[in-house]
PDB file of N, CA and C in Angstrom:
ATOM      1  N   MET A   1     -53.658 183.982  11.184  1.00  0.00           N
ATOM      2  CA  MET A   1     -54.440 183.824  12.197  1.00  0.00           C
ATOM      3  C   MET A   1     -52.248 183.482  13.085  1.00  0.00           C
ATOM      4  N   GLY A   2     -52.022 184.360  14.016  1.00  0.00           N
ATOM      5  CA  GLY A   2     -50.579 184.150  14.890  1.00  0.00           C
ATOM      6  C   GLY A   2     -51.053 183.643  15.755  1.00  0.00           C
ATOM      7  N   TYR A   3     -50.041 182.739  16.260  1.00  0.00           N
ATOM      8  CA  TYR A   3     -49.482 182.727  18.036  1.00  0.00           C
ATOM      9  C   TYR A   3     -49.623 183.295  18.908  1.00  0.00           C
ATOM     10  N   VAL A   4     -50.708 183.848  19.945  1.00  0.00           N
ATOM     11  CA  VAL A   4     -50.591 184.401  20.427  1.00  0.00           C
ATOM     12  C   VAL A   4     -50.449 183.630  22.010  1.00  0.00           C
ATOM     13  N   ASP A   5     -49.325 184.338  22.493  1.00  0.00           N
ATOM     14  CA  ASP A   5     -49.046 183.660  23.893  1.00  0.00           C
ATOM     15  C   ASP A   5     -50.027 184.307  25.250  1.00  0.00           C
ATOM     16  N   ARG A   6     -50.814 183.291  26.159  1.00  0.00           N
ATOM     17  CA  ARG A   6     -51.591 183.894  26.784  1.00  0.00           C
ATOM     18  C   ARG A   6     -51.162 183.132  28.038  1.00  0.00           C
ATOM     19  N   GLY A   7     -49.713 182.653  28.322  1.00  0.00           N
ATOM     20  CA  GLY A   7     -49.335 182.700  29.915  1.00  0.00           C
ATOM     21  C   GLY A   7     -50.027 181.240  30.216  1.00  0.00           C
ATOM     22  N   ARG A   8     -49.714 181.473  31.815  1.00  0.00           N
ATOM     23  CA  ARG A   8     -50.486 180.663  32.657  1.00  0.00           C
ATOM     24  C   ARG A   8     -52.255 180.293  31.909  1.00  0.00           C
ATOM     25  N   ASP A   9     -52.981 181.347  31.245  1.00  0.00           N
ATOM     26  CA  ASP A   9     -54.500 180.926  30.557  1.00  0.00           C
ATOM     27  C   ASP A   9     -54.214 180.180  29.693  1.00  0.00           C
ATOM     28  N   GLY A  10     -52.733 179.423  29.257  1.00  0.00           N
ATOM     29  CA  GLY A  10     -52.906 179.460  28.396  1.00  0.00           C
ATOM     30  C   GLY A  10     -53.240 177.820  28.272  1.00  0.00           C
ATOM     31  N   LEU A  11     -53.162 176.894  26.960  1.00  0.00           N
ATOM     32  CA  LEU A  11     -52.792 175.568  27.042  1.00  0.00           C
ATOM     33  C   LEU A  11     -52.969 175.018  28.354  1.00  0.00           C
ATOM     34  N   VAL A  12     -50.943 174.662  28.509  1.00  0.00           N
ATOM     35  CA  VAL A  12     -50.213 174.433  29.490  1.00  0.00           C
ATOM     36  C   VAL A  12     -50.959 174.730  30.658  1.00  0.00           C
ATOM     37  N   GLY A  13     -51.482 176.285  31.213  1.00  0.00           N
ATOM     38  CA  GLY A  13     -51.703 175.997  32.389  1.00  0.00           C
ATOM     39  C   GLY A  13     -52.770 175.445  32.569  1.00  0.00           C
ATOM     40  N   ASP A  14     -53.530 175.699  31.610  1.00  0.00           N
ATOM     41  CA  ASP A  14     -54.957 174.789  32.179  1.00  0.00           C
ATOM     42  C   ASP A  14     -54.553 173.582  32.171  1.00  0.00           C
ATOM     43  N   ARG A  15     -54.362 172.602  31.571  1.00  0.00           N
ATOM     44  CA  ARG A  15     -53.816 170.864  32.784  1.00  0.00           C
ATOM     45  C   ARG A  15     -53.281 171.633  33.441  1.00  0.00           C
ATOM     46  N   MET A  16     -51.569 172.385  33.287  1.00  0.00           N
ATOM     47  CA  MET A  16     -51.600 172.232  35.057  1.00  0.00           C
ATOM     48  C   MET A  16     -52.305 172.440  36.482  1.00  0.00           C
ATOM     49  N   ARG A  17     -53.133 173.488  35.894  1.00  0.00           N
ATOM     50  CA  ARG A  17     -54.145 173.218  37.123  1.00  0.00           C
ATOM     51  C   ARG A  17     -55.248 172.466  37.116  1.00  0.00           C
ATOM     52  N   GLY A  18     -55.536 171.444  36.140  1.00  0.00           N
ATOM     53  CA  GLY A  18     -56.225 170.611  36.016  1.00  0.00           C
ATOM     54  C   GLY A  18     -56.634 169.291  37.144  1.00  0.00           C
ATOM     55  N   ASP A  19     -58.462 169.194  37.455  1.00  0.00           N
ATOM     56  CA  ASP A  19     -58.064 168.567  38.984  1.00  0.00           C
ATOM     57  C   ASP A  19     -58.520 166.972  38.188  1.00  0.00           C
ATOM     58  N   GLU A  20     -58.005 166.828  37.373  1.00  0.00           N
ATOM     59  CA  GLU A  20     -58.157 165.238  36.644  1.00  0.00           C
ATOM     60  C   GLU A  20     -57.159 164.521  37.403  1.00  0.00           C
ATOM     61  N   GLY A  21     -56.210 164.992  37.665  1.00  0.00           N
ATOM     62  CA  GLY A  21     -54.909 164.190  37.510  1.00  0.00           C
ATOM     63  C   GLY A  21     -55.779 164.131  40.175  1.00  0.00           C
ATOM     64  N   ALA A  22     -55.991 164.773  40.152  1.00  0.00           N
ATOM     65  CA  ALA A  22     -55.834 164.984  41.536  1.00  0.00           C
ATOM     66  C   ALA A  22     -56.829 164.438  42.479  1.00  0.00           C
ATOM     67  N   ASN A  23     -57.909 163.957  40.886  1.00  0.00           N
ATOM     68  CA  ASN A  23     -59.111 163.469  41.081  1.00  0.00           C
ATOM     69  C   ASN A  23     -59.306 161.693  41.528  1.00  0.00           C
ATOM     70  N   LEU A  24     -58.027 161.737  40.400  1.00  0.00           N
ATOM     71  CA  LEU A  24     -57.456 159.952  39.987  1.00  0.00           C
ATOM     72  C   LEU A  24     -56.822 159.524  41.508  1.00  0.00           C
ATOM     73  N   VAL A  25     -56.048 160.424  41.864  1.00  0.00           N
ATOM     74  CA  VAL A  25     -55.449 160.096  42.932  1.00  0.00           C
ATOM     75  C   VAL A  25     -56.201 159.918  44.436  1.00  0.00           C
ATOM     76  N   GLU A  26     -57.148 160.853  44.406  1.00  0.00           N
ATOM     77  CA  GLU A  26     -57.961 160.932  45.565  1.00  0.00           C
ATOM     78  C   GLU A  26     -58.814 159.702  45.569  1.00  0.00           C
ATOM     79  N   TYR A  27     -59.732 159.632  44.438  1.00  0.00           N
ATOM     80  CA  TYR A  27     -59.903 158.107  44.436  1.00  0.00           C
ATOM     81  C   TYR A  27     -59.350 156.569  44.411  1.00  0.00           C
ATOM     82  N   LEU A  28     -58.127 156.457  43.674  1.00  0.00           N
ATOM     83  CA  LEU A  28     -57.053 155.671  44.426  1.00  0.00           C
ATOM     84  C   LEU A  28     -56.778 155.541  45.896  1.00  0.00           C
ATOM     85  N   LEU A  29     -56.768 156.783  46.374  1.00  0.00           N
ATOM     86  CA  LEU A  29     -56.364 156.954  47.976  1.00  0.00           C
ATOM     87  C   LEU A  29     -57.604 155.853  48.933  1.00  0.00           C
ATOM     88  N   LEU A  30     -59.384 156.250  47.976  1.00  0.00           N
ATOM     89  CA  LEU A  30     -60.152 156.163  48.509  1.00  0.00           C
ATOM     90  C   LEU A  30     -60.482 154.989  48.867  1.00  0.00           C
ATOM     91  N   VAL A  31     -59.942 154.085  47.590  1.00  0.00           N
ATOM     92  CA  VAL A  31     -60.328 152.743  47.210  1.00  0.00           C
ATOM     93  C   VAL A  31     -59.080 151.964  48.070  1.00  0.00           C
ATOM     94  N   SER A  32     -58.089 152.649  47.754  1.00  0.00           N
ATOM     95  CA  SER A  32     -57.016 151.701  48.775  1.00  0.00           C
ATOM     96  C   SER A  32     -57.739 151.756  49.883  1.00  0.00           C
ATOM     97  N   LEU A  33     -58.110 153.192  50.864  1.00  0.00           N
ATOM     98  CA  LEU A  33     -58.069 152.918  52.469  1.00  0.00           C
ATOM     99  C   LEU A  33     -59.255 152.330  52.469  1.00  0.00           C
ATOM    100  N   ILE A  34     -60.551 151.583  52.058  1.00  0.00           N
ATOM    101  CA  ILE A  34     -61.174 150.249  51.546  1.00  0.00           C
ATOM    102  C   ILE A  34     -61.442 149.517  51.618  1.00  0.00           C
ATOM    103  N   CYS A  35     -60.448 149.317  51.249  1.00  0.00           N
ATOM    104  CA  CYS A  35     -59.464 147.715  50.794  1.00  0.00           C
ATOM    105  C   CYS A  35     -58.567 147.622  51.785  1.00  0.00           C
ATOM    106  N   VAL A  36     -58.087 148.817  52.589  1.00  0.00           N
ATOM    107  CA  VAL A  36     -57.278 148.348  54.378  1.00  0.00           C
ATOM    108  C   VAL A  36     -58.446 147.455  55.160  1.00  0.00           C
ATOM    109  N   ILE A  37     -59.667 148.266  55.430  1.00  0.00           N
ATOM    110  CA  ILE A  37     -61.074 148.502  56.285  1.00  0.00           C
ATOM    111  C   ILE A  37     -60.815 147.208  56.088  1.00  0.00           C
ATOM    112  N   CYS A  38     -61.257 146.728  54.664  1.00  0.00           N
ATOM    113  CA  CYS A  38     -62.358 145.766  54.899  1.00  0.00           C
ATOM    114  C   CYS A  38     -61.112 143.994  55.084  1.00  0.00           C
ATOM    115  N   LEU A  39     -59.604 144.342  54.775  1.00  0.00           N
ATOM    116  CA  LEU A  39     -58.889 143.740  55.001  1.00  0.00           C
ATOM    117  C   LEU A  39     -58.478 143.525  56.329  1.00  0.00           C
ATOM    118  N   VAL A  40     -58.434 144.667  57.703  1.00  0.00           N
ATOM    119  CA  VAL A  40     -58.743 144.616  59.126  1.00  0.00           C
ATOM    120  C   VAL A  40     -59.869 144.190  59.357  1.00  0.00           C
ATOM    121  N   ALA A  41     -61.166 144.152  58.830  1.00  0.00           N
ATOM    122  CA  ALA A  41     -62.415 143.562  59.596  1.00  0.00           C
ATOM    123  C   ALA A  41     -62.252 142.034  59.449  1.00  0.00           C
ATOM    124  N   VAL A  42     -61.669 141.575  58.052  1.00  0.00           N
ATOM    125  CA  VAL A  42     -61.601 140.793  57.797  1.00  0.00           C
ATOM    126  C   VAL A  42     -60.255 139.709  59.144  1.00  0.00           C
ATOM    127  N   SER A  43     -60.131 140.426  59.320  1.00  0.00           N
ATOM    128  CA  SER A  43     -58.418 139.684  59.815  1.00  0.00           C
ATOM    129  C   SER A  43     -59.420 139.793  61.289  1.00  0.00           C
ATOM    130  N   ALA A  44     -59.662 140.530  61.980  1.00  0.00           N
ATOM    131  CA  ALA A  44     -60.497 141.237  63.585  1.00  0.00           C
ATOM    132  C   ALA A  44     -62.096 139.743  63.233  1.00  0.00           C
ATOM    133  N   PHE A  45     -62.457 139.681  62.423  1.00  0.00           N
ATOM    134  CA  PHE A  45     -63.630 138.338  62.871  1.00  0.00           C
ATOM    135  C   PHE A  45     -63.810 137.378  62.100  1.00  0.00           C
ATOM    136  N   ARG A  46     -62.486 136.985  61.515  1.00  0.00           N
ATOM    137  CA  ARG A  46     -62.056 135.744  61.144  1.00  0.00           C
ATOM    138  C   ARG A  46     -62.525 134.681  62.259  1.00  0.00           C
ATOM    139  N   LYS A  47     -61.877 134.489  63.253  1.00  0.00           N
ATOM    140  CA  LYS A  47     -62.495 133.159  64.421  1.00  0.00           C
ATOM    141  C   LYS A  47     -64.108 133.205  64.496  1.00  0.00           C
ATOM    142  N   GLU A  48     -64.316 134.614  64.682  1.00  0.00           N
ATOM    143  CA  GLU A  48     -66.245 134.130  65.002  1.00  0.00           C
ATOM    144  C   GLU A  48     -66.625 133.795  64.091  1.00  0.00           C
ATOM    145  N   VAL A  49     -66.028 134.674  62.256  1.00  0.00           N
ATOM    146  CA  VAL A  49     -66.696 133.526  60.854  1.00  0.00           C
ATOM    147  C   VAL A  49     -65.987 132.526  60.578  1.00  0.00           C
ATOM    148  N   ASP A  50     -65.475 131.874  60.995  1.00  0.00           N
ATOM    149  CA  ASP A  50     -64.879 130.507  60.810  1.00  0.00           C
ATOM    150  C   ASP A  50     -65.639 129.603  61.701  1.00  0.00           C
ATOM    151  N   LYS A  51     -65.728 130.042  62.850  1.00  0.00           N
ATOM    152  CA  LYS A  51     -66.900 129.419  64.137  1.00  0.00           C
ATOM    153  C   LYS A  51     -68.108 129.168  62.937  1.00  0.00           C
ATOM    154  N   LYS A  52     -68.795 130.381  62.832  1.00  0.00           N
ATOM    155  CA  LYS A  52     -70.382 130.382  62.501  1.00  0.00           C
ATOM    156  C   LYS A  52     -70.546 129.264  61.382  1.00  0.00           C
ATOM    157  N   PHE A  53     -69.293 129.750  60.095  1.00  0.00           N
ATOM    158  CA  PHE A  53     -69.140 128.109  58.935  1.00  0.00           C
ATOM    159  C   PHE A  53     -69.255 127.171  59.517  1.00  0.00           C
ATOM    160  N   VAL A  54     -68.399 126.615  60.862  1.00  0.00           N
ATOM    161  CA  VAL A  54     -68.174 125.728  60.936  1.00  0.00           C
ATOM    162  C   VAL A  54     -69.510 124.789  61.809  1.00  0.00           C
ATOM    163  N   TYR A  55     -70.002 125.676  62.786  1.00  0.00           N
ATOM    164  CA  TYR A  55     -71.533 125.828  62.913  1.00  0.00           C
ATOM    165  C   TYR A  55     -71.934 124.985  61.724  1.00  0.00           C
ATOM    166  N   SER A  56     -72.697 126.340  60.697  1.00  0.00           N
ATOM    167  CA  SER A  56     -73.472 125.722  59.640  1.00  0.00           C
ATOM    168  C   SER A  56     -73.145 123.895  58.699  1.00  0.00           C
ATOM    169  N   ALA A  57     -71.630 123.890  58.814  1.00  0.00           N
ATOM    170  CA  ALA A  57     -71.476 122.886  58.037  1.00  0.00           C
ATOM    171  C   ALA A  57     -72.083 121.812  58.875  1.00  0.00           C
ATOM    172  N   SER A  58     -72.017 122.031  60.217  1.00  0.00           N
ATOM    173  CA  SER A  58     -72.100 120.769  60.755  1.00  0.00           C
ATOM    174  C   SER A  58     -73.411 120.489  61.266  1.00  0.00           C
ATOM    175  N   GLU A  59     -74.282 121.472  61.323  1.00  0.00           N
ATOM    176  CA  GLU A  59     -75.903 121.610  60.782  1.00  0.00           C
ATOM    177  C   GLU A  59     -76.516 120.836  59.467  1.00  0.00           C
ATOM    178  N   ILE A  60     -75.929 120.995  59.041  1.00  0.00           N
ATOM    179  CA  ILE A  60     -76.154 121.228  57.161  1.00  0.00           C
ATOM    180  C   ILE A  60     -75.825 119.473  57.053  1.00  0.00           C
ATOM    181  N   SER A  61     -74.632 118.713  57.787  1.00  0.00           N
ATOM    182  CA  SER A  61     -73.930 117.295  57.926  1.00  0.00           C
ATOM    183  C   SER A  61     -75.422 116.386  58.356  1.00  0.00           C
ATOM    184  N   VAL A  62     -75.409 117.290  59.705  1.00  0.00           N
ATOM    185  CA  VAL A  62     -76.284 116.093  60.734  1.00  0.00           C
ATOM    186  C   VAL A  62     -77.883 115.874  59.928  1.00  0.00           C
ATOM    187  N   ALA A  63     -77.746 117.079  59.275  1.00  0.00           N
ATOM    188  CA  ALA A  63     -79.309 117.436  58.518  1.00  0.00           C
ATOM    189  C   ALA A  63     -79.638 116.253  57.134  1.00  0.00           C
ATOM    190  N   GLY A  64     -79.206 116.353  56.799  1.00  0.00           N
ATOM    191  CA  GLY A  64     -78.737 115.893  55.493  1.00  0.00           C
ATOM    192  C   GLY A  64     -78.620 113.708  56.155  1.00  0.00           C
ATOM    193  N   ARG A  65     -78.095 113.869  56.852  1.00  0.00           N
ATOM    194  CA  ARG A  65     -78.001 111.758  57.459  1.00  0.00           C
ATOM    195  C   ARG A  65     -79.105 111.496  57.457  1.00  0.00           C
TER     196      ARG A  65
END
């Protein structure tokens, strides 16, 4: 059997049109966006969450006396 040039439909063309690389980039962008949203939410609610933890800690220490 000899080599047959199939042009863009050949192995190289199939790899260039593949979605595997694009899917990886899309997943990385999605994970990055989720991380950014989590960081913004934590920094936005930090004071409220801190107040809840301080209150809970004081209630636990009072109950333990």
